[in-house]
Amino acid sequence: MAMYKRIRMNAQTLATMFIGFQRKLFTCPKEKDMFSVDESDGDCTIYFDLSFWNRYLVELQEANISGKFESSNANSEWTTLLSTVASATNSDLAGRFKDYYLSLKMFL
């Protein structure tokens, strides 16, 4: 069983995820919770530590069920993020990755 969940995100979905962390709407990652690989087309592949991914997915689902997505002015973006995170595939860490937390920590 892989230790990571892998997702490829476009810039808009990545920005929505960042906003959720920055506004403390969801548990923020710590070191080694997430890794990123920049892709040549502008997308970014995110590798989630399995335990962090599980916690994050549950928080997204709870926000959706409680109506927080629907009551926001970005319902479509939050719903897309939830769908993207839920569709993560098992993976080993690969490529020229960097700890995503190190990119975020100055904004959190």
Protein backbone atom coordinates (compact mmCIF):
# COMPACT_ATOMS: atom_id res chain seq x y z
CA MET A 1 0.00 0.00 0.00
CA ALA A 2 1.32 3.43 -0.95
CA MET A 3 2.11 5.98 1.71
CA TYR A 4 0.83 8.91 -0.36
CA LYS A 5 -2.21 10.07 -2.28
CA ARG A 6 -1.41 11.85 -5.55
CA ILE A 7 -3.45 14.57 -7.23
CA ARG A 8 -2.69 16.75 -10.22
CA MET A 9 -4.17 20.21 -9.76
CA ASN A 10 -4.59 23.15 -12.07
CA ALA A 11 -3.81 26.66 -10.83
CA GLN A 12 -7.43 27.46 -9.87
CA THR A 13 -7.91 24.35 -7.75
CA LEU A 14 -4.52 24.83 -6.14
CA ALA A 15 -5.46 28.44 -5.30
CA THR A 16 -8.74 27.30 -3.72
CA MET A 17 -6.85 24.80 -1.57
CA PHE A 18 -4.37 27.52 -0.54
CA ILE A 19 -7.21 29.89 0.43
CA GLY A 20 -8.73 27.20 2.64
CA PHE A 21 -5.43 26.75 4.45
CA GLN A 22 -4.67 30.46 4.67
CA ARG A 23 -8.08 31.28 6.14
CA LYS A 24 -7.76 28.32 8.54
CA LEU A 25 -10.95 26.78 7.19
CA PHE A 26 -9.22 23.40 7.24
CA THR A 27 -6.34 21.86 9.14
CA CYS A 28 -3.14 23.35 7.74
CA PRO A 29 -0.39 20.99 6.68
CA LYS A 30 2.77 20.64 8.70
CA GLU A 31 6.19 19.59 7.43
CA LYS A 32 6.04 16.35 5.43
CA ASP A 33 2.22 16.34 5.23
CA MET A 34 2.27 17.39 1.56
CA PHE A 35 4.82 17.48 -1.24
CA SER A 36 4.56 19.18 -4.61
CA VAL A 37 6.00 18.76 -8.07
CA ASP A 38 5.66 21.60 -10.59
CA GLU A 39 4.57 20.34 -14.00
CA SER A 40 5.69 21.84 -17.31
CA ASP A 41 2.12 22.87 -18.27
CA GLY A 42 1.56 24.98 -15.14
CA ASP A 43 -0.25 22.28 -13.19
CA CYS A 44 1.09 20.99 -9.90
CA THR A 45 1.12 17.42 -8.62
CA ILE A 46 0.46 17.21 -4.90
CA TYR A 47 1.42 14.20 -2.82
CA PHE A 48 -0.50 13.98 0.47
CA ASP A 49 0.71 11.95 3.40
CA LEU A 50 -2.05 9.35 3.77
CA SER A 51 -3.11 10.36 7.29
CA PHE A 52 -3.19 14.07 6.37
CA TRP A 53 -5.18 13.30 3.19
CA ASN A 54 -7.75 11.34 5.20
CA ARG A 55 -8.19 14.18 7.70
CA TYR A 56 -8.35 16.83 4.96
CA LEU A 57 -10.89 14.85 2.92
CA VAL A 58 -13.16 14.41 5.95
CA GLU A 59 -12.97 18.14 6.71
CA LEU A 60 -13.87 19.01 3.12
CA GLN A 61 -16.78 16.56 3.15
CA GLU A 62 -18.07 17.93 6.46
CA ALA A 63 -17.89 21.50 5.15
CA ASN A 64 -19.85 20.48 2.08
CA ILE A 65 -22.50 18.53 4.01
CA SER A 66 -22.98 21.36 6.52
CA GLY A 67 -23.69 23.80 3.67
CA LYS A 68 -20.54 25.89 3.98
CA PHE A 69 -19.71 25.44 0.29
CA GLU A 70 -23.22 26.30 -0.85
CA SER A 71 -23.36 29.44 1.28
CA SER A 72 -20.05 30.75 -0.04
CA ASN A 73 -19.59 32.78 -3.20
CA ALA A 74 -17.24 30.06 -4.50
CA ASN A 75 -19.42 26.95 -4.26
CA SER A 76 -18.22 25.62 -7.60
CA GLU A 77 -14.54 26.03 -6.70
CA TRP A 78 -14.96 24.31 -3.31
CA THR A 79 -16.96 21.48 -4.86
CA THR A 80 -14.26 21.02 -7.52
CA LEU A 81 -11.59 20.92 -4.81
CA LEU A 82 -13.53 18.28 -2.87
CA SER A 83 -13.99 16.18 -6.00
CA THR A 84 -10.31 16.52 -6.89
CA VAL A 85 -9.10 15.56 -3.41
CA ALA A 86 -11.53 12.62 -3.26
CA SER A 87 -10.20 11.30 -6.59
CA ALA A 88 -6.59 11.05 -5.36
CA THR A 89 -4.77 7.88 -6.32
CA ASN A 90 -2.32 5.84 -4.29
CA SER A 91 1.26 6.61 -5.17
CA ASP A 92 4.83 6.57 -4.06
CA LEU A 93 6.58 9.90 -3.84
CA ALA A 94 8.17 10.59 -7.23
CA GLY A 95 9.87 13.33 -9.20
CA ARG A 96 11.64 16.47 -8.09
CA PHE A 97 9.36 17.12 -5.15
CA LYS A 98 9.50 19.80 -2.48
CA ASP A 99 7.78 20.02 0.88
CA TYR A 100 4.61 22.01 0.16
CA TYR A 101 4.52 23.30 3.74
CA LEU A 102 7.74 25.25 3.09
CA SER A 103 5.94 27.11 0.29
CA LEU A 104 2.93 27.83 2.50
CA LYS A 105 4.35 28.55 5.93
CA MET A 106 4.99 32.25 5.43
CA PHE A 107 1.31 32.74 4.57
CA LEU A 108 -0.20 30.67 7.37
